[in-house]
Amino acid sequence: MATKEAREEGPIPKPAADAAGMPKINWDDSKMHTSYANVCNVLGTREEIMLLFGANQAWHGGQKEVTVVLGERVVLNPYAAKRLLLLLGQGLKEYESRYGELKV
C-alpha cells in the first residue's frame, strides 16, 4: 500500500520533449569508428536484415575473379532497416538535387 508521502510526490517526471512529443536525441560519437566501403551486400531472414560492407581492391578491368574484403556487418531488425531505407532515399534525393543524378 502506498504511503501518503509517495502519493503526494506525483508521477515520475518524463524527459523534456519537443513540440511533436518526441524526445530530444543526443548523438554520442565518442565510441564511433569510420570504415570505407565501395561494396555492399544485403542478406535477410524473417527477423533481421544484414548489411555487409567491404572493399574491392582490384583496380583492373576484365578480371575473372574479384576478392572483396568484408570489413563490417551491420545487423538490423526489419523496422530499423525500413527507416534506414527511407533515410538513405531522402539523403540521395538531396545529393542528386545538388550534384546531379547518379547513374547506376
Protein backbone atom coordinates (compact mmCIF):
# COMPACT_ATOMS: atom_id res chain seq x y z
CA MET A 1 0.00 0.00 0.00
CA ALA A 2 1.39 3.44 -0.96
CA THR A 3 2.23 5.86 1.82
CA LYS A 4 0.78 9.35 1.96
CA GLU A 5 4.20 10.85 1.10
CA ALA A 6 4.53 8.72 -2.05
CA ARG A 7 1.08 9.72 -3.27
CA GLU A 8 1.80 13.42 -2.78
CA GLU A 9 5.04 13.29 -4.84
CA GLY A 10 3.11 12.63 -8.03
CA PRO A 11 4.23 10.78 -11.16
CA ILE A 12 7.86 10.29 -12.16
CA PRO A 13 8.91 13.23 -14.36
CA LYS A 14 9.38 12.43 -18.05
CA PRO A 15 12.31 13.75 -20.15
CA ALA A 16 11.73 17.05 -21.93
CA ALA A 17 10.19 16.59 -25.38
CA ASP A 18 9.93 18.75 -28.46
CA ALA A 19 6.65 20.18 -29.78
CA ALA A 20 5.81 16.89 -31.57
CA GLY A 21 6.19 14.92 -28.34
CA MET A 22 9.39 13.23 -29.45
CA PRO A 23 12.32 13.02 -27.01
CA LYS A 24 15.44 15.05 -27.73
CA ILE A 25 18.20 12.87 -29.18
CA ASN A 26 21.81 13.39 -28.12
CA TRP A 27 24.24 11.80 -30.59
CA ASP A 28 27.27 10.39 -28.71
CA ASP A 29 30.06 9.67 -31.20
CA SER A 30 32.77 9.02 -28.59
CA LYS A 31 32.97 5.28 -29.47
CA MET A 32 32.29 5.60 -33.20
CA HIS A 33 34.79 4.43 -35.78
CA THR A 34 34.83 5.07 -39.51
CA SER A 35 35.21 2.48 -42.26
CA TYR A 36 35.28 2.91 -46.03
CA ALA A 37 33.26 0.61 -48.28
CA ASN A 38 32.81 0.55 -52.04
CA VAL A 39 30.85 -2.73 -51.97
CA CYS A 40 27.68 -3.61 -50.05
CA ASN A 41 25.54 -6.74 -49.93
CA VAL A 42 22.24 -7.37 -48.16
CA LEU A 43 21.11 -10.65 -46.60
CA GLY A 44 17.97 -11.23 -44.62
CA THR A 45 15.86 -13.55 -42.55
CA ARG A 46 12.38 -13.06 -41.11
CA GLU A 47 13.83 -11.39 -38.02
CA GLU A 48 16.86 -9.46 -39.26
CA ILE A 49 18.47 -7.73 -42.21
CA MET A 50 22.25 -7.91 -42.50
CA LEU A 51 24.29 -5.33 -44.37
CA LEU A 52 27.77 -6.50 -45.36
CA PHE A 53 30.28 -3.79 -46.23
CA GLY A 54 33.65 -4.29 -47.83
CA ALA A 55 36.24 -3.04 -50.23
CA ASN A 56 37.04 -4.28 -53.71
CA GLN A 57 40.71 -3.50 -54.05
CA ALA A 58 41.09 -4.81 -57.60
CA TRP A 59 41.66 -1.78 -59.80
CA HIS A 60 41.99 -3.64 -63.12
CA GLY A 61 39.15 -4.34 -65.53
CA GLY A 62 38.45 -7.68 -67.17
CA GLN A 63 39.28 -9.89 -64.21
CA LYS A 64 37.63 -13.31 -63.97
CA GLU A 65 37.57 -13.29 -60.17
CA VAL A 66 37.50 -10.46 -57.64
CA THR A 67 38.00 -10.75 -53.89
CA VAL A 68 36.04 -8.37 -51.68
CA VAL A 69 37.48 -7.96 -48.20
CA LEU A 70 34.48 -7.63 -45.85
CA GLY A 71 35.11 -5.17 -43.06
CA GLU A 72 31.77 -4.57 -41.36
CA ARG A 73 28.49 -6.38 -40.78
CA VAL A 74 25.52 -4.35 -39.53
CA VAL A 75 22.53 -6.34 -38.30
CA LEU A 76 19.17 -4.53 -38.17
CA ASN A 77 15.67 -5.56 -37.27
CA PRO A 78 13.20 -5.05 -40.15
CA TYR A 79 11.82 -1.81 -38.67
CA ALA A 80 15.26 -0.24 -38.38
CA ALA A 81 16.07 -1.44 -41.93
CA LYS A 82 12.91 0.24 -43.25
CA ARG A 83 13.83 3.51 -41.51
CA LEU A 84 17.33 3.25 -42.99
CA LEU A 85 15.81 2.75 -46.45
CA LEU A 86 13.75 5.92 -46.06
CA LEU A 87 16.68 7.94 -44.70
CA LEU A 88 19.02 6.77 -47.50
CA GLY A 89 16.40 7.63 -50.11
CA GLN A 90 15.99 11.10 -48.65
CA GLY A 91 19.75 11.62 -48.45
CA LEU A 92 20.30 10.51 -52.05
CA LYS A 93 17.46 12.71 -53.28
CA GLU A 94 19.12 15.73 -51.64
CA TYR A 95 22.53 14.71 -53.03
CA GLU A 96 21.19 14.41 -56.58
CA SER A 97 19.39 17.75 -56.36
CA ARG A 98 22.75 19.38 -55.56
CA TYR A 99 25.16 17.38 -57.74
CA GLY A 100 23.07 15.70 -60.44
CA GLU A 101 21.56 12.29 -61.00
CA LEU A 102 23.61 9.20 -60.17
CA LYS A 103 23.50 6.63 -62.96
CA VAL A 104 23.90 3.05 -61.69
